[in-house]
């Protein structure tokens, strides 16, 4: 997998988010887990205007902090998808500790094969190249008006409708277009 120059420098500046070279099995993560800082999580959910009736999907959910925050602060339902079984175990434990295990669930799946049609909000912290690869699935599965928020990485030529800065991080926001 070849990285674009911007992604390469973002990886260095981001302090450790690296693409795993030569990932050949469906069970191997595409990136090494780096948690999204809580202040970025908070701003992502604010930018998406999450409400109680939303279902927030976090693709590449790591320790579950985004969907757990959506459930605890906004009363939303959440689904986290991650291919790493260790992250899924950690996310489930974090949900139990937060008392939201009935509002969130975590699925050990390959997000490029997952069904996320019920989402009203989708959050991402993937590389731009992965976001671009995921974009056709997002547009095919999600209803018009579904909000998509990405930490640090854009989707190539799909221009965001909004951006926000939190410290050195940029957050990108799109809505699935109406037909």
C-alpha atoms as a PDB file:
ATOM      1  CA  UNK A   1       0.000   0.000   0.000  1.00  0.00           C
ATOM      2  CA  UNK A   2       1.518   3.295  -1.035  1.00  0.00           C
ATOM      3  CA  UNK A   3       1.013   6.303   1.231  1.00  0.00           C
ATOM      4  CA  UNK A   4       0.438   9.748  -0.112  1.00  0.00           C
ATOM      5  CA  UNK A   5       2.894  12.381   1.100  1.00  0.00           C
ATOM      6  CA  UNK A   6       0.284  14.021   3.360  1.00  0.00           C
ATOM      7  CA  UNK A   7      -0.503  10.694   5.035  1.00  0.00           C
ATOM      8  CA  UNK A   8       3.180   9.954   5.564  1.00  0.00           C
ATOM      9  CA  UNK A   9       3.756  13.261   7.350  1.00  0.00           C
ATOM     10  CA  UNK A  10       0.522  12.870   9.307  1.00  0.00           C
ATOM     11  CA  UNK A  11       1.738   9.480  10.491  1.00  0.00           C
ATOM     12  CA  UNK A  12       4.990  10.948  11.717  1.00  0.00           C
ATOM     13  CA  UNK A  13       3.262  13.928  13.359  1.00  0.00           C
ATOM     14  CA  UNK A  14       0.525  11.715  14.791  1.00  0.00           C
ATOM     15  CA  UNK A  15       3.029   9.803  16.834  1.00  0.00           C
ATOM     16  CA  UNK A  16       2.601   6.243  15.772  1.00  0.00           C
ATOM     17  CA  UNK A  17      -0.365   5.552  13.507  1.00  0.00           C
ATOM     18  CA  UNK A  18       1.250   3.237  10.977  1.00  0.00           C
ATOM     19  CA  UNK A  19      -0.061   1.172   8.113  1.00  0.00           C
ATOM     20  CA  UNK A  20       0.773  -2.490   8.480  1.00  0.00           C
ATOM     21  CA  UNK A  21       2.718  -3.338   5.368  1.00  0.00           C
ATOM     22  CA  UNK A  22       1.743  -6.482   3.533  1.00  0.00           C
ATOM     23  CA  UNK A  23      -1.548  -7.110   5.345  1.00  0.00           C
ATOM     24  CA  UNK A  24      -2.816 -10.195   3.557  1.00  0.00           C
ATOM     25  CA  UNK A  25      -5.490 -11.744   5.758  1.00  0.00           C
ATOM     26  CA  UNK A  26      -8.938 -10.329   6.380  1.00  0.00           C
ATOM     27  CA  UNK A  27      -8.295 -10.554  10.131  1.00  0.00           C
ATOM     28  CA  UNK A  28      -5.252  -8.306  10.216  1.00  0.00           C
ATOM     29  CA  UNK A  29      -5.819  -4.603  11.055  1.00  0.00           C
ATOM     30  CA  UNK A  30      -4.983  -2.037   8.377  1.00  0.00           C
ATOM     31  CA  UNK A  31      -3.597   0.391  10.962  1.00  0.00           C
ATOM     32  CA  UNK A  32      -2.033   0.181  14.381  1.00  0.00           C
ATOM     33  CA  UNK A  33      -4.439   1.382  17.052  1.00  0.00           C
ATOM     34  CA  UNK A  34      -3.971   4.952  18.234  1.00  0.00           C
ATOM     35  CA  UNK A  35      -6.766   6.271  20.488  1.00  0.00           C
ATOM     36  CA  UNK A  36      -8.586   9.444  19.502  1.00  0.00           C
ATOM     37  CA  UNK A  37      -8.023  12.089  22.214  1.00  0.00           C
ATOM     38  CA  UNK A  38     -11.183  12.695  24.238  1.00  0.00           C
ATOM     39  CA  UNK A  39     -11.347  16.373  23.269  1.00  0.00           C
ATOM     40  CA  UNK A  40     -11.379  15.305  19.602  1.00  0.00           C
ATOM     41  CA  UNK A  41     -14.101  12.711  20.328  1.00  0.00           C
ATOM     42  CA  UNK A  42     -16.191  15.424  21.976  1.00  0.00           C
ATOM     43  CA  UNK A  43     -15.798  17.806  19.035  1.00  0.00           C
ATOM     44  CA  UNK A  44     -16.540  15.064  16.476  1.00  0.00           C
ATOM     45  CA  UNK A  45     -19.830  14.275  18.189  1.00  0.00           C
ATOM     46  CA  UNK A  46     -20.681  17.981  18.523  1.00  0.00           C
ATOM     47  CA  UNK A  47     -19.925  18.600  14.852  1.00  0.00           C
ATOM     48  CA  UNK A  48     -22.220  15.687  13.929  1.00  0.00           C
ATOM     49  CA  UNK A  49     -24.909  17.147  16.213  1.00  0.00           C
ATOM     50  CA  UNK A  50     -25.519  13.753  17.841  1.00  0.00           C
ATOM     51  CA  UNK A  51     -28.925  13.403  19.506  1.00  0.00           C
ATOM     52  CA  UNK A  52     -30.653  10.769  21.609  1.00  0.00           C
ATOM     53  CA  UNK A  53     -32.378   9.195  18.590  1.00  0.00           C
ATOM     54  CA  UNK A  54     -29.099   8.705  16.669  1.00  0.00           C
ATOM     55  CA  UNK A  55     -27.283   5.449  16.046  1.00  0.00           C
ATOM     56  CA  UNK A  56     -23.553   6.172  15.936  1.00  0.00           C
ATOM     57  CA  UNK A  57     -21.287   3.704  14.145  1.00  0.00           C
ATOM     58  CA  UNK A  58     -17.547   3.943  14.733  1.00  0.00           C
ATOM     59  CA  UNK A  59     -15.639   2.100  12.013  1.00  0.00           C
ATOM     60  CA  UNK A  60     -12.339   0.980  13.511  1.00  0.00           C
ATOM     61  CA  UNK A  61     -13.660   1.615  17.019  1.00  0.00           C
ATOM     62  CA  UNK A  62     -10.589   0.706  19.053  1.00  0.00           C
ATOM     63  CA  UNK A  63     -11.430   0.914  22.754  1.00  0.00           C
ATOM     64  CA  UNK A  64     -14.982   2.100  22.035  1.00  0.00           C
ATOM     65  CA  UNK A  65     -14.602   5.621  23.378  1.00  0.00           C
ATOM     66  CA  UNK A  66     -16.587   7.325  20.601  1.00  0.00           C
ATOM     67  CA  UNK A  67     -19.755   5.216  20.859  1.00  0.00           C
ATOM     68  CA  UNK A  68     -19.458   5.102  24.653  1.00  0.00           C
ATOM     69  CA  UNK A  69     -19.241   8.898  24.752  1.00  0.00           C
ATOM     70  CA  UNK A  70     -22.228   9.169  22.373  1.00  0.00           C
ATOM     71  CA  UNK A  71     -24.228   6.931  24.725  1.00  0.00           C
ATOM     72  CA  UNK A  72     -23.192   8.577  28.007  1.00  0.00           C
ATOM     73  CA  UNK A  73     -23.384  12.233  26.917  1.00  0.00           C
ATOM     74  CA  UNK A  74     -26.168  12.176  24.338  1.00  0.00           C
ATOM     75  CA  UNK A  75     -28.146   9.021  25.104  1.00  0.00           C
ATOM     76  CA  UNK A  76     -27.508   7.757  21.570  1.00  0.00           C
ATOM     77  CA  UNK A  77     -27.159   4.128  20.614  1.00  0.00           C
ATOM     78  CA  UNK A  78     -23.831   3.010  19.228  1.00  0.00           C
ATOM     79  CA  UNK A  79     -22.107   0.250  17.330  1.00  0.00           C
ATOM     80  CA  UNK A  80     -18.349  -0.109  17.192  1.00  0.00           C
ATOM     81  CA  UNK A  81     -16.725  -2.259  14.531  1.00  0.00           C
ATOM     82  CA  UNK A  82     -13.110  -3.383  14.774  1.00  0.00           C
ATOM     83  CA  UNK A  83     -11.189  -6.294  13.335  1.00  0.00           C
ATOM     84  CA  UNK A  84      -8.925  -6.630  16.387  1.00  0.00           C
ATOM     85  CA  UNK A  85     -10.378  -8.985  19.037  1.00  0.00           C
ATOM     86  CA  UNK A  86      -8.291  -7.353  21.774  1.00  0.00           C
ATOM     87  CA  UNK A  87      -9.837  -3.950  21.004  1.00  0.00           C
ATOM     88  CA  UNK A  88     -13.342  -5.450  21.003  1.00  0.00           C
ATOM     89  CA  UNK A  89     -12.767  -7.035  24.436  1.00  0.00           C
ATOM     90  CA  UNK A  90     -11.455  -3.711  25.742  1.00  0.00           C
ATOM     91  CA  UNK A  91     -14.410  -1.780  24.252  1.00  0.00           C
ATOM     92  CA  UNK A  92     -16.947  -4.157  25.809  1.00  0.00           C
ATOM     93  CA  UNK A  93     -15.255  -3.837  29.196  1.00  0.00           C
ATOM     94  CA  UNK A  94     -15.205  -0.029  28.880  1.00  0.00           C
ATOM     95  CA  UNK A  95     -18.934  -0.039  28.035  1.00  0.00           C
ATOM     96  CA  UNK A  96     -19.692  -2.160  31.124  1.00  0.00           C
ATOM     97  CA  UNK A  97     -17.651   0.183  33.301  1.00  0.00           C
ATOM     98  CA  UNK A  98     -19.486   3.201  31.840  1.00  0.00           C
ATOM     99  CA  UNK A  99     -22.855   1.509  32.406  1.00  0.00           C
ATOM    100  CA  UNK A 100     -23.895   1.740  28.748  1.00  0.00           C
ATOM    101  CA  UNK A 101     -23.562  -1.887  27.646  1.00  0.00           C
ATOM    102  CA  UNK A 102     -27.304  -1.927  26.828  1.00  0.00           C
ATOM    103  CA  UNK A 103     -26.974   1.107  24.525  1.00  0.00           C
ATOM    104  CA  UNK A 104     -23.836   0.058  22.636  1.00  0.00           C
ATOM    105  CA  UNK A 105     -22.509  -3.078  21.012  1.00  0.00           C
ATOM    106  CA  UNK A 106     -19.166  -3.995  19.547  1.00  0.00           C
ATOM    107  CA  UNK A 107     -18.659  -6.242  16.554  1.00  0.00           C
ATOM    108  CA  UNK A 108     -15.435  -8.002  15.637  1.00  0.00           C
ATOM    109  CA  UNK A 109     -15.662  -7.580  11.876  1.00  0.00           C
ATOM    110  CA  UNK A 110     -13.846  -6.308   8.838  1.00  0.00           C
ATOM    111  CA  UNK A 111     -15.393  -2.875   8.276  1.00  0.00           C
ATOM    112  CA  UNK A 112     -15.018  -3.322   4.515  1.00  0.00           C
ATOM    113  CA  UNK A 113     -17.457  -6.240   4.762  1.00  0.00           C
ATOM    114  CA  UNK A 114     -19.760  -4.877   7.475  1.00  0.00           C
ATOM    115  CA  UNK A 115     -23.335  -3.688   7.259  1.00  0.00           C
ATOM    116  CA  UNK A 116     -23.808  -0.224   8.746  1.00  0.00           C
ATOM    117  CA  UNK A 117     -27.095   0.752   7.083  1.00  0.00           C
ATOM    118  CA  UNK A 118     -28.786   1.582  10.385  1.00  0.00           C
ATOM    119  CA  UNK A 119     -26.248   4.337  11.156  1.00  0.00           C
ATOM    120  CA  UNK A 120     -27.355   7.955  11.332  1.00  0.00           C
ATOM    121  CA  UNK A 121     -23.793   9.027  12.210  1.00  0.00           C
ATOM    122  CA  UNK A 122     -20.532   7.338  11.164  1.00  0.00           C
ATOM    123  CA  UNK A 123     -17.180   8.180  12.715  1.00  0.00           C
ATOM    124  CA  UNK A 124     -13.752   7.309  11.329  1.00  0.00           C
ATOM    125  CA  UNK A 125     -10.101   7.557  12.301  1.00  0.00           C
ATOM    126  CA  UNK A 126      -8.536   5.854   9.320  1.00  0.00           C
ATOM    127  CA  UNK A 127      -6.034   6.954   6.711  1.00  0.00           C
ATOM    128  CA  UNK A 128      -7.312   8.958   3.725  1.00  0.00           C
ATOM    129  CA  UNK A 129      -6.580   6.001   1.450  1.00  0.00           C
ATOM    130  CA  UNK A 130      -8.786   3.765   3.622  1.00  0.00           C
ATOM    131  CA  UNK A 131     -11.508   6.416   3.814  1.00  0.00           C
ATOM    132  CA  UNK A 132     -11.472   6.630   0.017  1.00  0.00           C
ATOM    133  CA  UNK A 133     -11.667   2.840  -0.264  1.00  0.00           C
ATOM    134  CA  UNK A 134     -14.602   2.860   2.173  1.00  0.00           C
ATOM    135  CA  UNK A 135     -16.439   5.753   0.481  1.00  0.00           C
ATOM    136  CA  UNK A 136     -18.352   3.619  -2.095  1.00  0.00           C
ATOM    137  CA  UNK A 137     -19.659   1.372   0.724  1.00  0.00           C
ATOM    138  CA  UNK A 138     -20.694   4.416   2.753  1.00  0.00           C
ATOM    139  CA  UNK A 139     -22.560   5.945  -0.176  1.00  0.00           C
ATOM    140  CA  UNK A 140     -24.183   2.619  -1.109  1.00  0.00           C
ATOM    141  CA  UNK A 141     -25.323   1.684   2.404  1.00  0.00           C
ATOM    142  CA  UNK A 142     -26.109   4.941   4.188  1.00  0.00           C
ATOM    143  CA  UNK A 143     -29.323   6.893   3.826  1.00  0.00           C
ATOM    144  CA  UNK A 144     -29.210  10.460   2.490  1.00  0.00           C
ATOM    145  CA  UNK A 145     -28.509  12.893   5.307  1.00  0.00           C
ATOM    146  CA  UNK A 146     -26.403  10.431   7.317  1.00  0.00           C
ATOM    147  CA  UNK A 147     -23.543  12.345   8.922  1.00  0.00           C
ATOM    148  CA  UNK A 148     -19.936  11.185   8.543  1.00  0.00           C
ATOM    149  CA  UNK A 149     -17.129  12.578  10.694  1.00  0.00           C
ATOM    150  CA  UNK A 150     -13.450  11.748  10.287  1.00  0.00           C
ATOM    151  CA  UNK A 151     -10.579  12.541  12.611  1.00  0.00           C
ATOM    152  CA  UNK A 152      -7.432  13.722  10.796  1.00  0.00           C
ATOM    153  CA  UNK A 153      -8.035  12.204   7.355  1.00  0.00           C
ATOM    154  CA  UNK A 154     -10.184  13.346   4.441  1.00  0.00           C
ATOM    155  CA  UNK A 155     -11.798  11.438   1.559  1.00  0.00           C
ATOM    156  CA  UNK A 156      -9.825  12.691  -1.395  1.00  0.00           C
ATOM    157  CA  UNK A 157     -11.968  14.563  -3.890  1.00  0.00           C
ATOM    158  CA  UNK A 158     -15.130  14.392  -1.733  1.00  0.00           C
ATOM    159  CA  UNK A 159     -14.972  17.841  -0.197  1.00  0.00           C
ATOM    160  CA  UNK A 160     -16.151  18.106   3.420  1.00  0.00           C
ATOM    161  CA  UNK A 161     -19.075  20.350   4.202  1.00  0.00           C
ATOM    162  CA  UNK A 162     -17.430  21.428   7.446  1.00  0.00           C
ATOM    163  CA  UNK A 163     -14.060  21.193   9.137  1.00  0.00           C
ATOM    164  CA  UNK A 164     -13.020  21.930  12.690  1.00  0.00           C
ATOM    165  CA  UNK A 165      -9.689  22.119  14.457  1.00  0.00           C
ATOM    166  CA  UNK A 166      -8.914  20.745  17.898  1.00  0.00           C
ATOM    167  CA  UNK A 167      -5.306  21.437  18.794  1.00  0.00           C
ATOM    168  CA  UNK A 168      -3.279  19.982  15.933  1.00  0.00           C
ATOM    169  CA  UNK A 169      -6.122  17.745  14.748  1.00  0.00           C
ATOM    170  CA  UNK A 170      -8.522  18.466  11.905  1.00  0.00           C
ATOM    171  CA  UNK A 171     -12.004  16.995  11.893  1.00  0.00           C
ATOM    172  CA  UNK A 172     -13.875  16.555   8.606  1.00  0.00           C
ATOM    173  CA  UNK A 173     -17.686  16.432   8.242  1.00  0.00           C
ATOM    174  CA  UNK A 174     -19.836  15.212   5.349  1.00  0.00           C
ATOM    175  CA  UNK A 175     -23.477  14.333   4.840  1.00  0.00           C
ATOM    176  CA  UNK A 176     -24.509  11.586   2.473  1.00  0.00           C
ATOM    177  CA  UNK A 177     -26.038  13.492  -0.441  1.00  0.00           C
ATOM    178  CA  UNK A 178     -29.680  13.308  -1.368  1.00  0.00           C
ATOM    179  CA  UNK A 179     -30.246  11.711  -4.761  1.00  0.00           C
END
